[in-house]
Amino acid sequence: MSTPSSPSRSAPCFSASAPPSSPCSAARQCLPQWRYCSSTGARDQFAELLAIRERVLGAEHPNTLTARANLAYMAGLAGDPAAARDQFADLFPAYIRVLGTEHPDTLTTRVHLARMTGHLYSIR
């Protein structure tokens, strides 16, 4: 049985048997770029992944929230801490609703929000 913190593996974007040309398979390719900080390409691919996850899983599915968090994080890496802060601020209440206040993903989002807010004040 699937719970909010453990998505169903049968969902289309999580199937290991997805054909290589599928949008889900293509979206998974963004992870290596993210790890190596190709922020422009990774940010574009995370935006594509977010659209897929919203369509397939719904706006407040935990994996959709993760895609939103990754997109916000990439905004920060790309040198736009204001956009990152705004995206984390929009995301934080959704994590609270879906996963609760003490879930690790909620707390991580809170940390990223604080860091981006602090970064904005430190560069003024």
Protein backbone atom coordinates (compact mmCIF):
# COMPACT_ATOMS: atom_id res chain seq x y z
CA MET A 1 0.00 0.00 0.00
CA SER A 2 1.29 3.45 -0.89
CA THR A 3 1.55 6.25 1.66
CA PRO A 4 2.25 9.93 1.04
CA SER A 5 5.93 9.41 1.86
CA SER A 6 6.30 6.28 -0.29
CA PRO A 7 4.91 6.79 -3.79
CA SER A 8 3.59 3.89 -5.78
CA ARG A 9 6.28 2.38 -7.98
CA SER A 10 3.66 1.60 -10.60
CA ALA A 11 3.11 5.29 -11.35
CA PRO A 12 4.22 6.10 -14.91
CA CYS A 13 7.15 8.35 -13.94
CA PHE A 14 8.62 5.75 -11.63
CA SER A 15 8.45 2.71 -13.87
CA ALA A 16 11.85 1.24 -14.58
CA SER A 17 10.39 -0.17 -17.78
CA ALA A 18 9.45 3.21 -19.24
CA PRO A 19 10.70 3.40 -22.82
CA PRO A 20 13.86 5.52 -23.23
CA SER A 21 11.98 7.98 -25.44
CA SER A 22 9.19 8.62 -22.88
CA PRO A 23 8.92 12.04 -21.19
CA CYS A 24 9.42 10.38 -17.79
CA SER A 25 12.62 8.72 -18.91
CA ALA A 26 13.88 11.99 -20.38
CA ALA A 27 13.04 13.87 -17.20
CA ARG A 28 15.10 11.45 -15.10
CA GLN A 29 18.12 12.56 -17.10
CA CYS A 30 18.14 15.91 -15.25
CA LEU A 31 19.59 14.35 -12.10
CA PRO A 32 23.13 13.87 -13.46
CA GLN A 33 23.16 17.48 -14.69
CA TRP A 34 22.06 18.69 -11.28
CA ARG A 35 24.87 16.81 -9.58
CA TYR A 36 27.43 18.45 -11.83
CA CYS A 37 25.88 21.93 -11.52
CA SER A 38 24.90 22.54 -15.12
CA SER A 39 22.26 24.79 -13.66
CA THR A 40 20.70 26.10 -16.87
CA GLY A 41 20.12 22.71 -18.48
CA ALA A 42 19.11 21.08 -15.22
CA ARG A 43 16.69 23.89 -14.38
CA ASP A 44 14.98 23.52 -17.75
CA GLN A 45 14.70 19.78 -17.30
CA PHE A 46 13.37 20.13 -13.74
CA ALA A 47 10.71 22.50 -15.11
CA GLU A 48 9.73 19.85 -17.67
CA LEU A 49 9.70 17.19 -14.95
CA LEU A 50 7.48 19.37 -12.77
CA ALA A 51 4.92 19.74 -15.55
CA ILE A 52 4.87 15.96 -16.06
CA ARG A 53 4.52 15.20 -12.36
CA GLU A 54 1.73 17.77 -11.93
CA ARG A 55 -0.16 16.23 -14.84
CA VAL A 56 0.42 12.59 -13.89
CA LEU A 57 0.53 12.68 -10.08
CA GLY A 58 -1.23 15.90 -9.10
CA ALA A 59 -0.03 19.22 -7.71
CA GLU A 60 0.45 18.09 -4.11
CA HIS A 61 1.83 14.59 -4.58
CA PRO A 62 5.08 14.27 -2.58
CA ASN A 63 7.10 13.64 -5.75
CA THR A 64 5.63 16.73 -7.38
CA LEU A 65 6.63 18.73 -4.31
CA THR A 66 10.15 17.30 -4.65
CA ALA A 67 10.28 18.48 -8.26
CA ARG A 68 9.23 21.96 -7.12
CA ALA A 69 11.93 21.91 -4.42
CA ASN A 70 14.57 20.86 -6.95
CA LEU A 71 13.51 23.66 -9.28
CA ALA A 72 13.73 26.19 -6.44
CA TYR A 73 17.15 24.87 -5.45
CA MET A 74 18.35 25.19 -9.03
CA ALA A 75 17.20 28.81 -9.09
CA GLY A 76 19.49 29.44 -6.13
CA LEU A 77 22.41 27.64 -7.80
CA ALA A 78 21.83 29.65 -10.96
CA GLY A 79 22.37 32.86 -8.99
CA ASP A 80 18.77 33.89 -8.39
CA PRO A 81 18.30 33.64 -4.60
CA ALA A 82 15.20 35.87 -4.69
CA ALA A 83 13.40 33.46 -7.02
CA ALA A 84 14.60 30.51 -4.94
CA ARG A 85 13.37 32.12 -1.73
CA ASP A 86 9.98 32.90 -3.28
CA GLN A 87 9.61 29.35 -4.61
CA PHE A 88 10.58 27.80 -1.26
CA ALA A 89 8.17 30.18 0.52
CA ASP A 90 5.33 29.01 -1.77
CA LEU A 91 6.36 25.37 -1.34
CA PHE A 92 6.73 25.28 2.44
CA PRO A 93 2.98 25.39 3.28
CA ALA A 94 2.30 22.60 0.77
CA TYR A 95 4.87 20.36 2.46
CA ILE A 96 3.24 21.09 5.83
CA ARG A 97 -0.21 20.16 4.45
CA VAL A 98 0.95 17.00 2.71
CA LEU A 99 3.71 15.62 4.93
CA GLY A 100 3.38 17.46 8.25
CA THR A 101 5.59 19.89 10.12
CA GLU A 102 8.23 17.39 11.25
CA HIS A 103 8.75 15.42 8.04
CA PRO A 104 12.39 15.58 6.84
CA ASP A 105 11.37 17.08 3.46
CA THR A 106 9.37 19.82 5.20
CA LEU A 107 12.31 20.61 7.46
CA THR A 108 14.74 20.62 4.53
CA THR A 109 12.51 23.07 2.68
CA ARG A 110 12.43 25.26 5.79
CA VAL A 111 16.25 25.21 5.91
CA HIS A 112 16.52 26.14 2.21
CA LEU A 113 14.02 28.96 2.71
CA ALA A 114 16.06 30.30 5.62
CA ARG A 115 19.32 30.02 3.68
CA MET A 116 17.96 31.82 0.63
CA THR A 117 16.47 34.55 2.83
CA GLY A 118 19.79 34.91 4.65
CA HIS A 119 21.68 34.98 1.36
CA LEU A 120 19.53 37.86 0.13
CA TYR A 121 20.28 39.92 3.24
CA SER A 122 24.00 39.13 3.13
CA ILE A 123 24.44 40.47 -0.40
CA ARG A 124 22.80 43.83 0.22
